[in-house]
Amino acid sequence: MPAPAAASGILTIPEIAKYLKVTEKTIYKLAGAKKIPAFKVGGSWRFSKADIDAWITHESMKSFGGSYNKRGVAK
C-alpha cells in the first residue's frame, strides 16, 4: 500500500494550503507567480515539504535583513 502524499514529503494544493494556513486560491496564485517552490505533475501542482520549509525559513530571514541562500542557510 503506497504511503500518503504528505508522508512521502510531496504535498498537494489542499495539503499545502492547510499547512500554511492560507486558502487554496492563495497557493494557486503563489505557485503560478513562482513565488513559492512548486512543480507540476500532469498539470497538477505539487510541493516538496522540505523545499517549503526552507522557503519559510528564507522568507522569515528576509525580514531580519540577513543574507541566506534558497535553503535558508546563511551565506
N, C-alpha and C. Protein backbone atom coordinates (compact mmCIF):
# COMPACT_ATOMS: atom_id res chain seq x y z
N MET A 1 0.85 -1.19 0.00
CA MET A 1 0.00 0.00 0.00
C MET A 1 0.88 1.24 0.00
N PRO A 2 0.69 2.18 -0.95
CA PRO A 2 1.54 3.36 -1.02
C PRO A 2 1.33 4.29 0.17
N ALA A 3 2.39 5.02 0.51
CA ALA A 3 2.32 5.99 1.60
C ALA A 3 1.50 7.20 1.18
N PRO A 4 0.79 7.83 2.12
CA PRO A 4 0.07 9.06 1.77
C PRO A 4 1.05 10.11 1.26
N ALA A 5 0.57 11.01 0.42
CA ALA A 5 1.44 12.02 -0.19
C ALA A 5 2.21 12.81 0.85
N ALA A 6 1.55 13.22 1.92
CA ALA A 6 2.22 14.01 2.95
C ALA A 6 3.35 13.22 3.61
N ALA A 7 3.16 11.91 3.79
CA ALA A 7 4.20 11.07 4.40
C ALA A 7 5.41 10.95 3.48
N SER A 8 5.20 11.08 2.17
CA SER A 8 6.31 10.97 1.22
C SER A 8 7.06 12.29 1.07
N GLY A 9 6.54 13.35 1.66
CA GLY A 9 7.19 14.65 1.55
C GLY A 9 6.70 15.48 0.39
N ILE A 10 5.75 14.97 -0.38
CA ILE A 10 5.18 15.71 -1.50
C ILE A 10 3.74 16.06 -1.14
N LEU A 11 3.40 17.34 -1.23
CA LEU A 11 2.09 17.83 -0.83
C LEU A 11 1.30 18.35 -2.02
N THR A 12 -0.02 18.27 -1.92
CA THR A 12 -0.93 18.78 -2.93
C THR A 12 -1.38 20.19 -2.54
N ILE A 13 -2.15 20.81 -3.43
CA ILE A 13 -2.67 22.16 -3.14
C ILE A 13 -3.45 22.19 -1.81
N PRO A 14 -4.43 21.31 -1.60
CA PRO A 14 -5.16 21.37 -0.32
C PRO A 14 -4.26 21.14 0.90
N GLU A 15 -3.29 20.23 0.76
CA GLU A 15 -2.39 19.93 1.88
C GLU A 15 -1.49 21.12 2.19
N ILE A 16 -0.94 21.75 1.17
CA ILE A 16 -0.03 22.88 1.41
C ILE A 16 -0.81 24.09 1.92
N ALA A 17 -2.03 24.27 1.45
CA ALA A 17 -2.87 25.37 1.94
C ALA A 17 -3.14 25.19 3.44
N LYS A 18 -3.46 23.97 3.82
CA LYS A 18 -3.70 23.69 5.24
C LYS A 18 -2.42 23.88 6.05
N TYR A 19 -1.30 23.39 5.53
CA TYR A 19 -0.01 23.51 6.22
C TYR A 19 0.36 24.97 6.45
N LEU A 20 0.13 25.83 5.45
CA LEU A 20 0.49 27.24 5.55
C LEU A 20 -0.64 28.11 6.11
N LYS A 21 -1.80 27.48 6.34
CA LYS A 21 -2.97 28.18 6.89
C LYS A 21 -3.40 29.36 6.00
N VAL A 22 -3.50 29.07 4.70
CA VAL A 22 -3.98 30.04 3.72
C VAL A 22 -5.00 29.32 2.83
N THR A 23 -5.65 30.07 1.97
CA THR A 23 -6.63 29.45 1.07
C THR A 23 -5.93 28.76 -0.10
N GLU A 24 -6.65 27.84 -0.72
CA GLU A 24 -6.12 27.18 -1.91
C GLU A 24 -5.90 28.19 -3.03
N LYS A 25 -6.76 29.19 -3.12
CA LYS A 25 -6.63 30.23 -4.13
C LYS A 25 -5.29 30.96 -3.97
N THR A 26 -4.90 31.23 -2.73
CA THR A 26 -3.61 31.88 -2.47
C THR A 26 -2.45 31.02 -2.95
N ILE A 27 -2.53 29.72 -2.71
CA ILE A 27 -1.48 28.81 -3.14
C ILE A 27 -1.39 28.79 -4.66
N TYR A 28 -2.53 28.74 -5.36
CA TYR A 28 -2.52 28.78 -6.82
C TYR A 28 -1.84 30.05 -7.32
N LYS A 29 -2.15 31.18 -6.70
CA LYS A 29 -1.55 32.46 -7.12
C LYS A 29 -0.04 32.46 -6.89
N LEU A 30 0.39 32.01 -5.72
CA LEU A 30 1.82 31.98 -5.40
C LEU A 30 2.58 31.04 -6.34
N ALA A 31 2.02 29.87 -6.59
CA ALA A 31 2.68 28.89 -7.46
C ALA A 31 2.74 29.41 -8.89
N GLY A 32 1.64 29.97 -9.37
CA GLY A 32 1.59 30.49 -10.73
C GLY A 32 2.56 31.64 -10.95
N ALA A 33 2.78 32.44 -9.90
CA ALA A 33 3.70 33.57 -9.98
C ALA A 33 5.13 33.16 -9.64
N LYS A 34 5.35 31.87 -9.35
CA LYS A 34 6.67 31.34 -8.99
C LYS A 34 7.23 32.01 -7.73
N LYS A 35 6.34 32.30 -6.80
CA LYS A 35 6.76 32.92 -5.54
C LYS A 35 6.87 31.90 -4.42
N ILE A 36 6.57 30.65 -4.74
CA ILE A 36 6.67 29.55 -3.78
C ILE A 36 7.23 28.35 -4.54
N PRO A 37 8.12 27.57 -3.92
CA PRO A 37 8.68 26.41 -4.64
C PRO A 37 7.61 25.37 -4.95
N ALA A 38 7.45 25.08 -6.24
CA ALA A 38 6.42 24.14 -6.67
C ALA A 38 6.80 23.54 -8.01
N PHE A 39 6.14 22.44 -8.36
CA PHE A 39 6.34 21.83 -9.67
C PHE A 39 5.03 21.18 -10.08
N LYS A 40 4.90 20.92 -11.36
CA LYS A 40 3.68 20.30 -11.86
C LYS A 40 3.92 18.85 -12.26
N VAL A 41 2.93 18.02 -11.96
CA VAL A 41 2.91 16.63 -12.38
C VAL A 41 1.59 16.43 -13.12
N GLY A 42 1.69 16.23 -14.42
CA GLY A 42 0.48 16.05 -15.21
C GLY A 42 -0.49 17.20 -15.12
N GLY A 43 0.01 18.41 -14.98
CA GLY A 43 -0.84 19.58 -14.90
C GLY A 43 -1.31 19.94 -13.50
N SER A 44 -0.96 19.13 -12.50
CA SER A 44 -1.35 19.40 -11.11
C SER A 44 -0.14 19.87 -10.31
N TRP A 45 -0.34 20.92 -9.53
CA TRP A 45 0.75 21.44 -8.70
C TRP A 45 1.09 20.48 -7.58
N ARG A 46 2.39 20.35 -7.30
CA ARG A 46 2.90 19.57 -6.19
C ARG A 46 3.97 20.39 -5.49
N PHE A 47 4.18 20.10 -4.20
CA PHE A 47 5.10 20.87 -3.38
C PHE A 47 5.93 19.92 -2.52
N SER A 48 7.24 20.13 -2.50
CA SER A 48 8.12 19.36 -1.63
C SER A 48 8.09 20.01 -0.25
N LYS A 49 7.75 19.23 0.78
CA LYS A 49 7.69 19.79 2.13
C LYS A 49 9.04 20.35 2.55
N ALA A 50 10.12 19.68 2.18
CA ALA A 50 11.45 20.18 2.53
C ALA A 50 11.72 21.54 1.87
N ASP A 51 11.32 21.67 0.61
CA ASP A 51 11.51 22.96 -0.09
C ASP A 51 10.63 24.05 0.52
N ILE A 52 9.42 23.70 0.91
CA ILE A 52 8.52 24.67 1.54
C ILE A 52 9.08 25.11 2.88
N ASP A 53 9.59 24.17 3.67
CA ASP A 53 10.17 24.52 4.96
C ASP A 53 11.38 25.45 4.79
N ALA A 54 12.21 25.17 3.78
CA ALA A 54 13.36 26.02 3.50
C ALA A 54 12.90 27.40 3.03
N TRP A 55 11.85 27.44 2.21
CA TRP A 55 11.29 28.70 1.72
C TRP A 55 10.76 29.53 2.89
N ILE A 56 10.09 28.88 3.84
CA ILE A 56 9.59 29.58 5.03
C ILE A 56 10.75 30.20 5.79
N THR A 57 11.80 29.43 6.00
CA THR A 57 12.98 29.94 6.71
C THR A 57 13.58 31.12 5.96
N HIS A 58 13.72 30.99 4.65
CA HIS A 58 14.29 32.05 3.82
C HIS A 58 13.45 33.32 3.91
N GLU A 59 12.14 33.17 3.74
CA GLU A 59 11.25 34.33 3.79
C GLU A 59 11.26 34.98 5.17
N SER A 60 11.35 34.17 6.21
CA SER A 60 11.41 34.70 7.58
C SER A 60 12.70 35.49 7.81
N MET A 61 13.81 34.97 7.28
CA MET A 61 15.10 35.62 7.47
C MET A 61 15.19 36.94 6.70
N LYS A 62 14.48 37.05 5.59
CA LYS A 62 14.49 38.30 4.82
C LYS A 62 13.97 39.45 5.68
N SER A 63 13.07 39.15 6.58
CA SER A 63 12.51 40.17 7.47
C SER A 63 13.58 40.75 8.39
N PHE A 64 14.61 39.96 8.65
CA PHE A 64 15.68 40.39 9.55
C PHE A 64 16.89 40.95 8.81
N GLY A 65 16.82 40.99 7.49
CA GLY A 65 17.89 41.59 6.70
C GLY A 65 19.12 40.73 6.51
N GLY A 66 19.05 39.46 6.85
CA GLY A 66 20.20 38.57 6.69
C GLY A 66 20.37 38.14 5.25
N SER A 67 21.52 37.56 4.96
CA SER A 67 21.80 37.06 3.62
C SER A 67 21.79 35.54 3.67
N TYR A 68 20.83 34.93 2.97
CA TYR A 68 20.65 33.49 3.02
C TYR A 68 20.44 32.94 1.63
N ASN A 69 20.83 31.67 1.44
CA ASN A 69 20.59 31.02 0.15
C ASN A 69 19.17 30.47 0.10
N LYS A 70 18.80 29.78 -0.98
CA LYS A 70 17.44 29.29 -1.15
C LYS A 70 17.03 28.28 -0.09
N ARG A 71 17.98 27.62 0.53
CA ARG A 71 17.68 26.62 1.56
C ARG A 71 17.62 27.24 2.95
N GLY A 72 17.78 28.57 3.05
CA GLY A 72 17.69 29.23 4.33
C GLY A 72 18.97 29.19 5.14
N VAL A 73 20.09 28.84 4.48
CA VAL A 73 21.37 28.76 5.17
C VAL A 73 22.11 30.08 4.98
N ALA A 74 22.69 30.60 6.06
CA ALA A 74 23.43 31.86 5.98
C ALA A 74 24.58 31.75 5.01
N LYS A 75 24.78 32.81 4.22
CA LYS A 75 25.89 32.82 3.24
C LYS A 75 27.17 33.25 3.92
